[in-house]
Protein backbone atom coordinates (compact mmCIF):
# COMPACT_ATOMS: atom_id res chain seq x y z
CA MET A 1 -3.67 -18.06 -24.72
CA SER A 2 -0.39 -18.33 -23.74
CA VAL A 3 1.67 -15.88 -21.61
CA SER A 4 3.49 -14.50 -24.69
CA ARG A 5 3.59 -15.31 -28.43
CA GLN A 6 7.33 -16.05 -28.67
CA MET A 7 9.46 -14.95 -31.72
CA SER A 8 10.72 -17.76 -34.20
CA VAL A 9 13.92 -19.32 -33.64
CA SER A 10 15.18 -17.52 -36.70
CA ARG A 11 14.09 -14.35 -35.40
CA GLN A 12 15.63 -14.80 -32.20
CA MET A 13 18.89 -15.49 -33.65
CA SER A 14 18.88 -12.49 -35.63
CA PHE A 15 17.92 -10.36 -32.71
CA LEU A 16 20.93 -11.75 -30.83
CA LEU A 17 23.56 -10.93 -33.62
CA ILE A 18 22.38 -7.35 -33.97
CA SER A 19 24.99 -6.71 -31.14
CA ARG A 20 27.79 -9.12 -30.93
CA SER A 21 29.17 -8.18 -27.50
CA PHE A 22 25.60 -8.65 -26.29
CA HIS A 23 25.08 -12.02 -28.08
CA SER A 24 26.91 -13.90 -25.03
CA GLU A 25 24.95 -11.82 -22.57
CA LEU A 26 21.45 -13.18 -23.68
CA LEU A 27 22.31 -16.35 -25.34
CA GLN A 28 21.62 -18.29 -21.94
CA TYR A 29 18.23 -17.28 -21.78
CA ASN A 30 17.37 -17.57 -25.82
CA PHE A 31 14.60 -14.99 -25.18
CA LEU A 32 12.31 -17.87 -24.04
CA PRO A 33 10.50 -18.44 -20.75
CA LEU A 34 13.19 -20.25 -18.61
CA ASP A 35 12.45 -23.94 -18.08
CA PRO A 36 13.50 -25.23 -14.61
CA ALA A 37 13.10 -28.68 -15.56
CA ALA A 38 15.83 -28.37 -18.22
CA PHE A 39 18.61 -28.48 -15.74
CA GLY A 40 17.48 -30.75 -13.27
CA SER A 41 18.77 -28.92 -10.17
CA PRO A 42 17.14 -28.03 -6.99
CA ASP A 43 15.17 -24.95 -6.36
CA ILE A 44 16.13 -22.10 -4.02
CA SER A 45 14.51 -23.96 -0.97
CA LYS A 46 18.11 -25.89 -1.16
CA LEU A 47 20.83 -23.38 -0.03
CA SER A 48 24.57 -23.62 -0.14
CA ASP A 49 26.48 -26.08 1.35
CA ASP A 50 28.20 -23.73 3.72
CA GLU A 51 24.97 -22.82 5.74
CA THR A 52 25.46 -22.02 9.32
CA ASP A 53 23.31 -23.79 12.03
CA LEU A 54 21.21 -21.50 13.85
CA GLU A 55 20.55 -23.35 17.12
CA PRO A 56 20.26 -27.21 17.98
CA VAL A 57 16.58 -26.90 17.22
CA PHE A 58 17.31 -26.15 13.74
CA GLN A 59 19.39 -29.72 13.21
CA GLN A 60 18.39 -31.62 10.36
CA GLU A 61 15.31 -33.65 10.34
CA GLU A 62 13.45 -36.21 8.32
CA CYS A 63 11.84 -34.63 5.03
CA LEU A 64 8.09 -34.04 5.09
CA ASP A 65 5.69 -35.40 2.74
CA GLU A 66 5.36 -32.27 0.48
CA SER A 67 1.79 -33.50 -0.72
CA GLN A 68 0.41 -32.59 2.76
CA ASP A 69 -2.44 -30.12 2.87
CA PHE A 70 -3.78 -27.96 5.72
CA GLU A 71 -6.58 -25.52 6.22
CA GLU A 72 -5.65 -21.85 6.87
CA ASP A 73 -6.52 -20.05 9.94
CA PRO A 74 -9.95 -18.32 9.26
CA ASN A 75 -9.00 -15.50 11.59
CA CYS A 76 -5.99 -14.65 9.47
CA ASP A 77 -7.30 -12.81 6.33
CA LEU A 78 -4.61 -11.78 4.28
CA SER A 79 -4.56 -8.58 2.33
CA PRO A 80 -5.19 -8.75 -1.39
CA GLU A 81 -1.62 -7.07 -2.02
CA LEU A 82 -0.12 -9.98 0.03
CA LEU A 83 -2.01 -12.54 -1.61
CA ARG A 84 -0.91 -11.15 -4.93
CA MET A 85 2.58 -11.25 -3.78
CA VAL A 86 2.28 -14.71 -2.54
CA GLU A 87 1.01 -15.92 -6.08
CA HIS A 88 3.54 -14.03 -7.61
CA GLU A 89 6.27 -16.04 -6.09
CA GLU A 90 5.09 -19.18 -7.02
CA LYS A 91 7.75 -20.04 -9.80
CA GLN A 92 10.79 -22.27 -9.23
CA ILE A 93 14.20 -20.71 -9.16
CA LEU A 94 16.60 -22.19 -11.85
CA PRO A 95 20.23 -23.18 -10.76
CA HIS A 96 23.15 -21.25 -11.22
CA LYS A 97 25.20 -22.24 -14.30
CA GLU A 98 28.83 -21.56 -13.28
CA SER A 99 30.12 -22.81 -16.73
CA VAL A 100 28.31 -20.16 -18.83
CA GLU A 101 30.43 -17.12 -19.08
CA VAL A 102 27.70 -14.21 -19.55
CA GLU A 103 28.49 -10.69 -18.99
CA PHE A 104 25.32 -9.92 -17.39
CA LYS A 105 24.68 -13.23 -15.53
CA ASP A 106 25.56 -11.18 -12.31
CA VAL A 107 22.02 -9.31 -12.50
CA PHE A 108 20.39 -12.31 -11.73
CA ALA A 109 19.85 -13.98 -8.54
CA TRP A 110 20.03 -17.60 -8.14
CA SER A 111 19.76 -18.03 -4.59
CA TYR A 112 19.24 -15.73 -1.63
CA GLN A 113 23.11 -15.84 -1.18
CA ASP A 114 23.37 -13.90 -4.98
CA MET A 115 20.90 -11.15 -3.58
CA PRO A 116 23.26 -8.41 -1.30
CA GLY A 117 20.29 -6.19 -1.59
CA LEU A 118 20.14 -2.26 -2.27
CA GLY A 119 22.27 0.06 -0.20
CA THR A 120 20.79 1.72 2.79
CA ASP A 121 21.97 5.26 1.13
CA ILE A 122 19.43 4.26 -1.43
CA VAL A 123 16.27 3.24 0.47
CA VAL A 124 15.69 1.84 3.84
CA HIS A 125 12.18 0.82 5.21
CA LYS A 126 10.73 2.71 8.23
CA LEU A 127 8.08 1.85 10.64
CA PRO A 128 6.76 5.11 12.18
CA ILE A 129 3.83 4.17 14.60
CA LYS A 130 0.93 6.77 15.11
CA GLU A 131 0.59 8.63 18.57
CA ASN A 132 -1.32 6.98 21.30
CA CYS A 133 -0.96 3.41 19.50
CA LYS A 134 -0.21 1.04 22.06
CA PRO A 135 2.03 -2.03 20.92
CA VAL A 136 0.45 -5.56 20.42
CA GLN A 137 1.66 -8.75 21.41
CA GLN A 138 -0.04 -11.56 19.87
CA LYS A 139 -0.25 -15.09 21.43
CA LEU A 140 1.38 -17.81 19.65
CA ARG A 141 -1.38 -19.65 17.78
CA ARG A 142 -1.81 -23.56 17.39
CA MET A 143 -0.83 -25.18 14.28
CA ARG A 144 -0.72 -28.68 13.24
CA PRO A 145 2.63 -30.58 13.65
CA ASP A 146 3.54 -31.08 9.98
CA VAL A 147 2.79 -27.31 9.40
CA LEU A 148 5.09 -26.30 12.10
CA LEU A 149 7.98 -28.17 10.78
CA LYS A 150 7.39 -26.75 7.46
CA ILE A 151 7.57 -23.26 9.15
CA LYS A 152 10.67 -24.48 11.08
CA GLU A 153 12.38 -25.15 7.71
CA GLU A 154 11.47 -21.65 6.27
CA VAL A 155 12.51 -19.92 9.50
CA LYS A 156 15.87 -21.54 9.09
CA LYS A 157 16.43 -20.80 5.41
CA GLN A 158 15.68 -17.07 5.95
CA PHE A 159 17.80 -16.99 9.16
CA ASP A 160 20.86 -18.62 7.07
CA ALA A 161 20.06 -16.16 4.40
CA ASP A 162 20.84 -13.27 6.68
CA PHE A 163 17.08 -12.12 6.36
CA LEU A 164 16.35 -12.76 10.24
CA GLN A 165 17.86 -12.21 13.80
CA VAL A 166 16.85 -13.48 17.07
CA VAL A 167 15.18 -10.82 19.30
CA LYS A 168 14.15 -10.72 22.75
CA TYR A 169 11.59 -8.38 24.78
CA SER A 170 10.11 -6.98 21.72
CA GLU A 171 7.18 -4.66 22.17
CA TRP A 172 5.50 -5.77 18.91
CA VAL A 173 4.92 -9.40 18.32
CA ALA A 174 3.03 -11.10 15.51
CA ASN A 175 2.27 -14.59 14.34
CA ILE A 176 3.15 -16.63 11.40
CA VAL A 177 0.45 -17.21 8.84
CA PRO A 178 1.08 -20.32 6.86
CA VAL A 179 -0.02 -20.25 3.00
CA PRO A 180 -0.04 -23.13 1.32
CA LYS A 181 1.67 -23.38 -2.21
CA LYS A 182 0.54 -25.46 -5.34
CA ASP A 183 3.78 -27.65 -4.94
CA GLY A 184 2.57 -28.82 -1.27
CA LYS A 185 5.00 -26.35 0.43
CA VAL A 186 4.20 -23.47 2.59
CA ARG A 187 4.76 -19.93 2.39
CA MET A 188 5.57 -18.13 5.34
CA CYS A 189 3.50 -14.92 5.66
CA VAL A 190 3.42 -12.84 9.05
CA ASP A 191 0.27 -11.34 10.37
CA TYR A 192 1.12 -7.79 10.61
CA ARG A 193 -2.58 -6.24 10.48
CA ASP A 194 -1.90 -4.91 14.00
CA LEU A 195 1.23 -3.31 13.17
CA ASN A 196 -0.22 -1.98 9.76
CA LYS A 197 -3.19 -0.34 11.86
CA ALA A 198 -0.81 1.64 13.96
CA SER A 199 1.26 2.87 10.78
CA PRO A 200 0.50 5.85 8.96
CA LYS A 201 -0.03 5.71 5.27
CA ASP A 202 2.87 6.24 3.01
CA ASN A 203 1.28 8.22 0.27
CA PHE A 204 3.95 7.60 -2.60
CA PRO A 205 1.76 6.81 -5.31
CA LEU A 206 1.66 3.84 -7.34
CA PRO A 207 1.33 4.07 -11.22
CA HIS A 208 -1.88 3.92 -12.66
CA ILE A 209 -2.28 0.55 -14.24
CA ASP A 210 -4.27 1.79 -17.07
CA SER A 211 -1.83 4.37 -17.86
CA LEU A 212 1.09 1.83 -17.57
CA VAL A 213 -0.45 -0.60 -19.90
CA ASP A 214 -1.49 2.12 -22.42
CA ASN A 215 2.31 3.34 -22.51
CA THR A 216 3.53 -0.27 -23.02
CA ALA A 217 1.22 -1.08 -25.80
CA LYS A 218 1.82 -0.57 -29.56
CA GLN A 219 5.64 -1.18 -29.28
CA SER A 220 7.30 -4.27 -31.13
CA PHE A 221 9.25 -5.83 -28.67
CA PHE A 222 8.88 -6.35 -25.06
CA SER A 223 10.69 -8.11 -22.40
CA PHE A 224 9.27 -8.89 -18.96
CA MET A 225 11.39 -8.83 -15.97
CA ASP A 226 10.64 -9.56 -12.09
CA GLY A 227 12.58 -8.72 -9.18
CA PHE A 228 14.06 -11.88 -7.31
CA SER A 229 12.17 -11.81 -3.72
CA GLY A 230 11.62 -8.12 -4.66
CA TYR A 231 10.89 -7.00 -1.06
CA ASN A 232 13.61 -8.64 0.43
CA GLN A 233 16.15 -6.69 -1.29
CA ILE A 234 15.56 -3.81 0.65
CA ARG A 235 16.67 -3.43 4.23
CA MET A 236 14.72 -2.41 7.39
CA HIS A 237 15.77 0.58 9.30
CA GLN A 238 17.96 -0.30 12.11
CA ASN A 239 15.44 1.22 14.85
CA ASP A 240 12.49 -0.36 13.14
CA MET A 241 13.48 -3.99 12.94
CA GLU A 242 12.10 -5.27 16.11
CA LYS A 243 8.77 -3.98 15.19
CA THR A 244 8.63 -6.81 12.63
CA THR A 245 8.97 -9.83 15.55
CA PHE A 246 7.19 -12.47 14.88
CA VAL A 247 6.67 -15.68 17.29
CA THR A 248 7.46 -19.46 16.73
CA PRO A 249 7.87 -22.24 19.16
CA TRP A 250 11.64 -21.81 18.90
CA GLY A 251 11.92 -18.30 19.59
CA THR A 252 11.17 -14.90 18.39
CA PHE A 253 12.73 -13.56 15.30
CA CYS A 254 12.48 -10.00 13.70
CA TYR A 255 13.56 -9.13 9.92
CA LYS A 256 16.58 -7.29 9.06
CA VAL A 257 15.14 -6.96 5.36
CA MET A 258 11.63 -5.65 4.47
CA PRO A 259 9.03 -8.56 4.73
CA PHE A 260 5.90 -9.27 2.76
CA GLY A 261 2.83 -7.84 4.34
CA LEU A 262 3.76 -4.71 5.76
CA LYS A 263 1.23 -1.80 4.81
CA ASN A 264 3.78 0.47 3.12
CA ALA A 265 6.29 -1.99 1.54
CA GLY A 266 4.79 -1.54 -2.12
CA ALA A 267 5.39 2.24 -1.70
CA THR A 268 8.86 1.75 -0.45
CA TYR A 269 9.73 -0.24 -3.12
CA GLN A 270 8.22 1.69 -5.92
CA ARG A 271 10.07 4.86 -4.38
CA ALA A 272 13.29 3.00 -4.67
CA MET A 273 12.41 2.07 -8.50
CA VAL A 274 11.90 5.65 -9.24
CA THR A 275 15.12 6.67 -7.67
CA LEU A 276 16.88 4.15 -9.85
CA PHE A 277 15.01 4.42 -13.10
CA HIS A 278 13.48 7.66 -13.16
CA ASP A 279 15.14 8.83 -16.29
CA MET A 280 14.18 5.57 -18.33
CA MET A 281 10.53 5.23 -16.83
CA HIS A 282 7.86 6.22 -19.61
CA LYS A 283 10.41 6.06 -22.35
CA GLU A 284 12.39 2.89 -22.57
CA ILE A 285 10.87 0.99 -19.42
CA GLU A 286 7.57 0.86 -17.24
CA VAL A 287 7.86 -0.19 -13.69
CA TYR A 288 5.34 -1.30 -11.30
CA VAL A 289 6.82 -2.25 -7.84
CA ASP A 290 9.17 -5.24 -8.68
CA ASP A 291 7.85 -5.87 -12.00
CA MET A 292 9.68 -4.21 -15.12
CA ILE A 293 9.01 -3.89 -18.63
CA ALA A 294 11.54 -3.08 -21.52
CA LYS A 295 9.89 -1.92 -24.66
CA SER A 296 11.13 -0.66 -27.99
CA LEU A 297 9.75 -0.36 -31.63
CA THR A 298 12.84 -2.09 -33.38
CA GLU A 299 15.06 -4.92 -32.27
CA GLU A 300 18.14 -2.84 -32.37
CA GLU A 301 16.85 -0.35 -29.86
CA HIS A 302 15.61 -3.01 -27.77
CA VAL A 303 19.13 -4.60 -27.28
CA GLU A 304 20.41 -1.27 -26.28
CA VAL A 305 17.64 -0.75 -24.04
CA LEU A 306 18.32 -3.99 -22.11
CA ARG A 307 22.14 -3.03 -22.07
CA LYS A 308 21.31 0.09 -20.34
CA LEU A 309 18.85 -1.58 -18.15
CA PHE A 310 21.22 -4.09 -16.85
CA LEU A 311 24.22 -1.80 -16.37
CA ARG A 312 21.81 -0.15 -14.10
CA LEU A 313 20.87 -3.22 -12.27
CA ARG A 314 24.62 -3.87 -12.11
CA LYS A 315 25.65 -0.76 -10.55
CA PHE A 316 22.88 -0.86 -7.73
CA GLN A 317 22.97 -4.59 -7.27
CA LEU A 318 19.11 -5.08 -7.69
CA LYS A 319 19.03 -8.54 -8.82
CA LEU A 320 16.21 -10.10 -11.22
CA ASN A 321 14.38 -13.52 -10.96
CA PRO A 322 15.55 -15.44 -13.96
CA ALA A 323 12.32 -17.91 -13.76
CA LYS A 324 10.46 -15.05 -14.28
CA CYS A 325 11.98 -13.13 -17.21
CA THR A 326 10.97 -13.32 -20.73
CA PHE A 327 13.08 -11.18 -23.27
CA GLY A 328 12.49 -10.17 -26.84
CA VAL A 329 9.09 -11.09 -27.30
CA THR A 330 6.41 -9.55 -29.26
CA SER A 331 3.40 -9.82 -26.76
CA GLY A 332 2.69 -10.71 -23.41
CA LYS A 333 0.68 -10.26 -20.25
CA LEU A 334 1.20 -7.12 -18.13
CA LEU A 335 -0.87 -6.60 -15.08
CA GLY A 336 -3.75 -8.80 -16.21
CA PHE A 337 -3.77 -7.28 -19.86
CA ILE A 338 -2.20 -8.61 -23.16
CA VAL A 339 -0.11 -6.02 -24.76
CA SER A 340 1.42 -5.89 -28.24
CA GLU A 341 1.93 -4.09 -31.32
CA LYS A 342 -1.67 -4.36 -31.95
CA GLY A 343 -2.61 -2.58 -28.68
CA ILE A 344 -4.58 -3.85 -25.63
CA GLU A 345 -6.54 -7.00 -25.48
CA VAL A 346 -8.43 -8.58 -22.57
CA ASP A 347 -6.86 -11.53 -20.87
CA PRO A 348 -9.09 -14.72 -21.64
CA ASP A 349 -8.21 -16.26 -18.13
CA LYS A 350 -9.59 -13.19 -16.34
CA VAL A 351 -12.64 -13.19 -18.25
CA LYS A 352 -13.03 -16.95 -17.87
CA ALA A 353 -12.72 -16.16 -14.15
CA ILE A 354 -15.43 -13.37 -14.25
CA GLN A 355 -17.94 -15.93 -16.18
CA ASP A 356 -17.31 -18.79 -13.77
CA LEU A 357 -18.52 -16.56 -10.97
CA LEU A 358 -21.78 -17.51 -9.19
CA PRO A 359 -24.20 -14.83 -8.83
CA PRO A 360 -23.47 -13.03 -5.64
CA ARG A 361 -25.96 -13.36 -2.77
CA THR A 362 -24.49 -11.16 0.03
CA PRO A 363 -23.44 -7.28 0.23
CA LYS A 364 -19.67 -8.76 0.61
CA GLU A 365 -20.06 -11.00 -2.60
CA VAL A 366 -21.56 -8.11 -4.38
CA ARG A 367 -18.98 -5.77 -3.84
CA GLY A 368 -16.41 -8.53 -4.93
CA PHE A 369 -18.02 -9.09 -7.93
CA LEU A 370 -18.13 -5.13 -8.99
CA GLY A 371 -14.24 -4.96 -7.79
CA ARG A 372 -13.64 -7.68 -10.50
CA LEU A 373 -15.58 -5.84 -13.13
CA ASN A 374 -13.21 -3.13 -12.77
CA TYR A 375 -10.67 -4.98 -14.67
CA ILE A 376 -12.98 -5.17 -18.00
CA ALA A 377 -14.11 -1.81 -17.35
CA ARG A 378 -12.57 -0.59 -20.22
CA PHE A 379 -13.75 -2.98 -22.74
CA ILE A 380 -17.63 -2.66 -22.17
CA SER A 381 -19.41 0.33 -23.08
CA GLN A 382 -21.70 2.10 -20.40
CA LEU A 383 -20.96 -0.64 -18.01
CA THR A 384 -21.79 1.32 -15.06
CA GLU A 385 -25.39 1.90 -16.32
CA LYS A 386 -25.60 -2.06 -17.21
CA CYS A 387 -24.59 -2.82 -13.21
CA ASP A 388 -27.32 -0.34 -11.93
CA PRO A 389 -29.59 -2.94 -10.43
CA ILE A 390 -26.58 -4.54 -8.71
CA PHE A 391 -25.30 -1.27 -7.55
CA ARG A 392 -28.63 -0.32 -5.88
CA LEU A 393 -28.14 -3.68 -3.69
CA LEU A 394 -25.51 -1.73 -1.91
CA LYS A 395 -27.43 1.66 -1.35
CA LYS A 396 -28.76 2.17 2.50
CA ARG A 397 -32.54 1.41 2.80
CA ASN A 398 -32.29 -1.33 0.14
CA PRO A 399 -33.62 -4.74 1.20
CA GLY A 400 -30.70 -6.06 -0.67
CA GLU A 401 -32.57 -8.73 -2.32
CA TRP A 402 -31.38 -10.31 -5.65
CA ASN A 403 -34.17 -10.28 -8.02
CA GLU A 404 -34.78 -10.98 -11.78
CA GLU A 405 -33.70 -7.51 -12.69
CA CYS A 406 -30.22 -8.39 -10.88
CA GLN A 407 -29.97 -11.70 -12.54
CA GLU A 408 -30.71 -10.25 -15.87
CA ALA A 409 -27.91 -7.66 -15.48
CA PHE A 410 -25.54 -10.26 -14.12
CA ASP A 411 -26.10 -12.56 -17.07
CA LYS A 412 -25.86 -9.64 -19.62
CA ILE A 413 -22.35 -8.82 -18.09
């Protein structure tokens, strides 16, 4: 099933013509998923011509073969949230079309340079440390030369975007964890596990996914929007920047913006969204961290909701990712579910992933399987009872052997 069932061309045009002043604002996007190939321009990895050199070590080098692959460090397990964000950031960024006069084009970011970030009077990310927790300085890990060059390219790009600064004598030092992308490039993550262990949990709640999906379903029109490099739009607190220090063969750097991988980054971002959109949430929009969904029963109402949302985004300089925005659709995927006027449906891709799983053989695999079942729990009656033979494998004083009863329950599910 496709990402969203798009409106017909005639319906799109009628939707746009409802408000003539708004017609030019959204005509550029045509209420369809944007196609990077349509413009034939480079993605975000190619920054503006006025980039400044960091140091001689960042001088231009021969391009790498992007099809090269590499193995991840087995000692650097990434958190599920970080992996979700990594997957979430895979799409190409569209080029900026200067010739198009669109009133609200400034609410979209086309590169890091278009992203000034939220004001520090609204939100900053702090990193308090628990008492008696000593700083940890990780030693530089070995990586393959081709991976190091890709990491070097990404560090330069972030430095030129003013995301990083050089730091010396930092008490906290972490290593880079290279995560391969589908296009052969590398996403630079940082192993903040030691820092996260020393940080107290921020108890600001994230929305319940079931409630958010329920609030969105049974509307007639939807617009799905995504923040541009969302976490990086929030600044780090001045006193906590050096705690984010990471080490490379070319020096040590720390983040001036909130990086991916920090324990409370999601809570900080959600708190900022509540601050900006509390009067619209659960009525005109739903927000889950950097995912925003505008919803309405009529086309006219949807135009007004988008106008109100865009004005708010402009006011606080929060930028959207045009490659991940879809406007005026009648159904779409939301946090793993398909929402539409009909209600909530299960995502066939998620179901297929569960169906393709091999029977679990270890306690860790059993927990992973049961965790995946949480997604479809609302669609299967008496799921807990059906899973009882598998649940018993995790009980103490249980031999934990996968028997015929477990296999029968697995096949039935």
